[in-house]
Amino acid sequence: MPAHYPVPIQEDIRDLFFELLGRGVACDKVGPLRFEEGNRYAIGEYVTDDDELAGVCLVDERFVVRVGGALVMVAATVVEEMLRKNDVDPVFYDYIQEVLNILSRLLNSASTPHLRLRSLVRVPAEEVSPAIAALQASPEFRRDFAVMVEGYGEGRLSLLVN
């Protein structure tokens, strides 16, 4: 059954990040992103103009740091050091919020209600709403990607929509 909203394919994701980051990007389909106790990740919450939850984008911490670092051109060695020390500068979540805001254009079409990024939830620092948890548990459609940014490495991104 098709989703109510467009769900980008790997080429769409690759092209968006290439355009945004100005460097080579590879995007591959992978199995579902699973989060275990103690892992840190972020959830972009996409809503309609009536504030109805319609989709989420899950990104792991490696995605936050590597894509955020590439976006603002932080040295790759600094990015890897943050990951090694498990000490991520909180400003990287602000960078990813902007990235996920731009990603919303791939979730919109002329034939569907408009979607926008309402918020970015940082897990485990923030509580996941029951609506997000329900969508995570049983989305109508899901795509999972490994995104490799040239010079920075790989992170994981999952799109779930109703």
Protein backbone atom coordinates (compact mmCIF):
# COMPACT_ATOMS: atom_id res chain seq x y z
CA MET A 1 0.00 0.00 0.00
CA PRO A 2 1.49 3.38 -0.94
CA ALA A 3 2.04 6.04 1.70
CA HIS A 4 -0.13 9.14 1.85
CA TYR A 5 2.98 11.26 1.30
CA PRO A 6 5.91 10.87 -1.06
CA VAL A 7 8.76 8.87 0.43
CA PRO A 8 12.07 9.63 -1.26
CA ILE A 9 14.20 6.92 -2.78
CA GLN A 10 17.92 6.66 -2.22
CA GLU A 11 18.77 8.75 -5.29
CA ASP A 12 16.59 11.59 -3.98
CA ILE A 13 18.37 11.51 -0.62
CA ARG A 14 21.78 11.33 -2.28
CA ASP A 15 21.03 14.26 -4.59
CA LEU A 16 19.64 16.43 -1.78
CA PHE A 17 22.70 15.89 0.42
CA PHE A 18 25.09 16.38 -2.49
CA GLU A 19 23.42 19.71 -3.23
CA LEU A 20 23.34 20.71 0.43
CA LEU A 21 26.85 19.62 1.42
CA GLY A 22 28.72 20.25 -1.83
CA ARG A 23 30.61 16.96 -1.63
CA GLY A 24 30.19 13.37 -2.73
CA VAL A 25 27.40 11.43 -1.05
CA ALA A 26 26.44 7.77 -1.37
CA CYS A 27 23.11 6.50 -0.14
CA ASP A 28 22.21 2.83 0.21
CA LYS A 29 19.07 1.08 1.36
CA VAL A 30 19.64 -0.81 4.61
CA GLY A 31 17.63 -2.68 7.20
CA PRO A 32 15.55 -0.83 9.78
CA LEU A 33 17.40 1.41 12.17
CA ARG A 34 17.07 -0.01 15.69
CA PHE A 35 17.90 1.94 18.80
CA GLU A 36 19.12 0.26 21.92
CA GLU A 37 19.15 1.53 25.49
CA GLY A 38 21.83 4.15 25.93
CA ASN A 39 22.10 5.09 22.24
CA ARG A 40 21.60 8.72 21.31
CA TYR A 41 19.64 9.76 18.26
CA ALA A 42 17.31 12.45 16.96
CA ILE A 43 13.78 12.39 15.60
CA GLY A 44 12.49 15.02 13.20
CA GLU A 45 8.73 15.38 13.57
CA TYR A 46 6.83 16.27 10.36
CA VAL A 47 3.30 17.62 10.68
CA THR A 48 0.54 18.92 8.43
CA ASP A 49 -0.57 22.54 8.55
CA ASP A 50 -3.21 21.32 11.05
CA ASP A 51 -0.40 20.03 13.31
CA GLU A 52 -1.26 16.38 12.67
CA LEU A 53 1.76 14.08 12.85
CA ALA A 54 2.35 12.58 9.39
CA GLY A 55 5.96 11.42 9.44
CA VAL A 56 9.21 11.19 11.31
CA CYS A 57 12.84 11.06 10.33
CA LEU A 58 15.13 9.13 12.67
CA VAL A 59 18.87 9.78 12.54
CA ASP A 60 21.59 8.16 14.60
CA GLU A 61 24.24 10.18 16.39
CA ARG A 62 26.84 9.38 13.74
CA PHE A 63 24.54 11.02 11.17
CA VAL A 64 24.09 14.06 13.44
CA VAL A 65 27.82 14.57 13.83
CA ARG A 66 29.02 13.61 10.37
CA VAL A 67 26.37 15.41 8.30
CA GLY A 68 26.35 18.36 10.70
CA GLY A 69 30.14 18.56 10.51
CA ALA A 70 30.11 18.43 6.71
CA LEU A 71 27.40 21.10 6.58
CA VAL A 72 29.43 23.66 8.53
CA MET A 73 32.81 22.32 7.32
CA VAL A 74 34.17 21.21 10.69
CA ALA A 75 37.38 19.25 10.17
CA ALA A 76 36.68 15.54 9.81
CA THR A 77 39.26 14.82 12.52
CA VAL A 78 37.24 16.93 14.98
CA VAL A 79 34.08 15.04 14.00
CA GLU A 80 35.74 11.67 14.59
CA GLU A 81 37.18 12.83 17.91
CA MET A 82 33.71 13.85 19.12
CA LEU A 83 32.37 10.42 18.20
CA ARG A 84 35.33 8.63 19.76
CA LYS A 85 34.96 10.55 23.02
CA ASN A 86 31.17 10.28 22.90
CA ASP A 87 31.10 14.03 23.50
CA VAL A 88 28.91 15.63 20.84
CA ASP A 89 28.59 19.40 20.84
CA PRO A 90 24.83 20.15 21.20
CA VAL A 91 25.02 22.71 18.38
CA PHE A 92 25.27 19.76 15.94
CA TYR A 93 21.63 18.98 16.72
CA ASP A 94 20.75 22.51 15.59
CA TYR A 95 22.57 21.83 12.32
CA ILE A 96 20.62 18.61 11.83
CA GLN A 97 17.35 20.35 12.58
CA GLU A 98 18.06 22.63 9.63
CA VAL A 99 19.04 19.64 7.45
CA LEU A 100 15.79 17.85 8.32
CA ASN A 101 13.85 21.04 7.66
CA ILE A 102 15.29 21.10 4.13
CA LEU A 103 14.58 17.37 3.77
CA SER A 104 10.87 18.13 4.20
CA ARG A 105 10.74 19.26 0.58
CA LEU A 106 11.13 15.61 -0.44
CA LEU A 107 8.03 14.70 1.60
CA ASN A 108 5.78 17.21 -0.15
CA SER A 109 3.94 17.03 -3.46
CA ALA A 110 1.24 18.96 -5.28
CA SER A 111 -1.27 16.21 -4.50
CA THR A 112 -0.71 15.84 -0.74
CA PRO A 113 -1.22 18.11 2.27
CA HIS A 114 1.79 20.27 3.05
CA LEU A 115 4.25 18.86 5.61
CA ARG A 116 6.70 20.86 7.69
CA LEU A 117 9.25 20.06 10.35
CA ARG A 118 7.71 20.93 13.71
CA SER A 119 10.51 19.90 16.02
CA LEU A 120 13.59 17.83 16.62
CA VAL A 121 13.48 15.47 19.58
CA ARG A 122 16.82 14.43 21.09
CA VAL A 123 16.71 10.96 22.56
CA PRO A 124 17.28 10.09 25.38
CA ALA A 125 17.54 13.72 26.56
CA GLU A 126 13.90 14.43 25.66
CA GLU A 127 10.71 12.42 25.99
CA VAL A 128 9.27 10.85 22.84
CA SER A 129 5.57 11.72 22.50
CA PRO A 130 3.00 8.90 22.34
CA ALA A 131 2.16 9.94 18.75
CA ILE A 132 5.79 9.60 17.64
CA ALA A 133 6.14 6.28 19.48
CA ALA A 134 2.97 4.97 17.77
CA LEU A 135 4.23 6.03 14.34
CA GLN A 136 7.62 4.43 15.03
CA ALA A 137 5.90 1.19 16.05
CA SER A 138 3.71 0.89 12.95
CA PRO A 139 4.28 3.32 10.10
CA GLU A 140 2.36 2.86 6.87
CA PHE A 141 5.62 3.15 4.97
CA ARG A 142 9.28 3.13 5.91
CA ARG A 143 12.64 3.59 4.21
CA ASP A 144 16.04 3.18 5.86
CA PHE A 145 19.29 4.50 4.45
CA ALA A 146 23.00 4.52 5.17
CA VAL A 147 24.29 7.92 4.09
CA MET A 148 28.03 8.13 3.39
CA VAL A 149 29.45 11.66 3.13
CA GLU A 150 32.78 11.94 1.36
CA GLY A 151 35.52 12.71 3.88
CA TYR A 152 33.22 12.33 6.90
CA GLY A 153 31.86 8.81 6.98
CA GLU A 154 28.51 7.14 7.38
CA GLY A 155 25.38 7.74 9.40
CA ARG A 156 21.90 6.23 9.34
CA LEU A 157 18.60 7.86 8.44
CA SER A 158 15.10 6.38 8.50
CA LEU A 159 11.92 7.94 7.12
CA LEU A 160 8.57 6.73 8.43
CA VAL A 161 5.29 8.14 7.14
CA ASN A 162 1.56 7.56 7.37
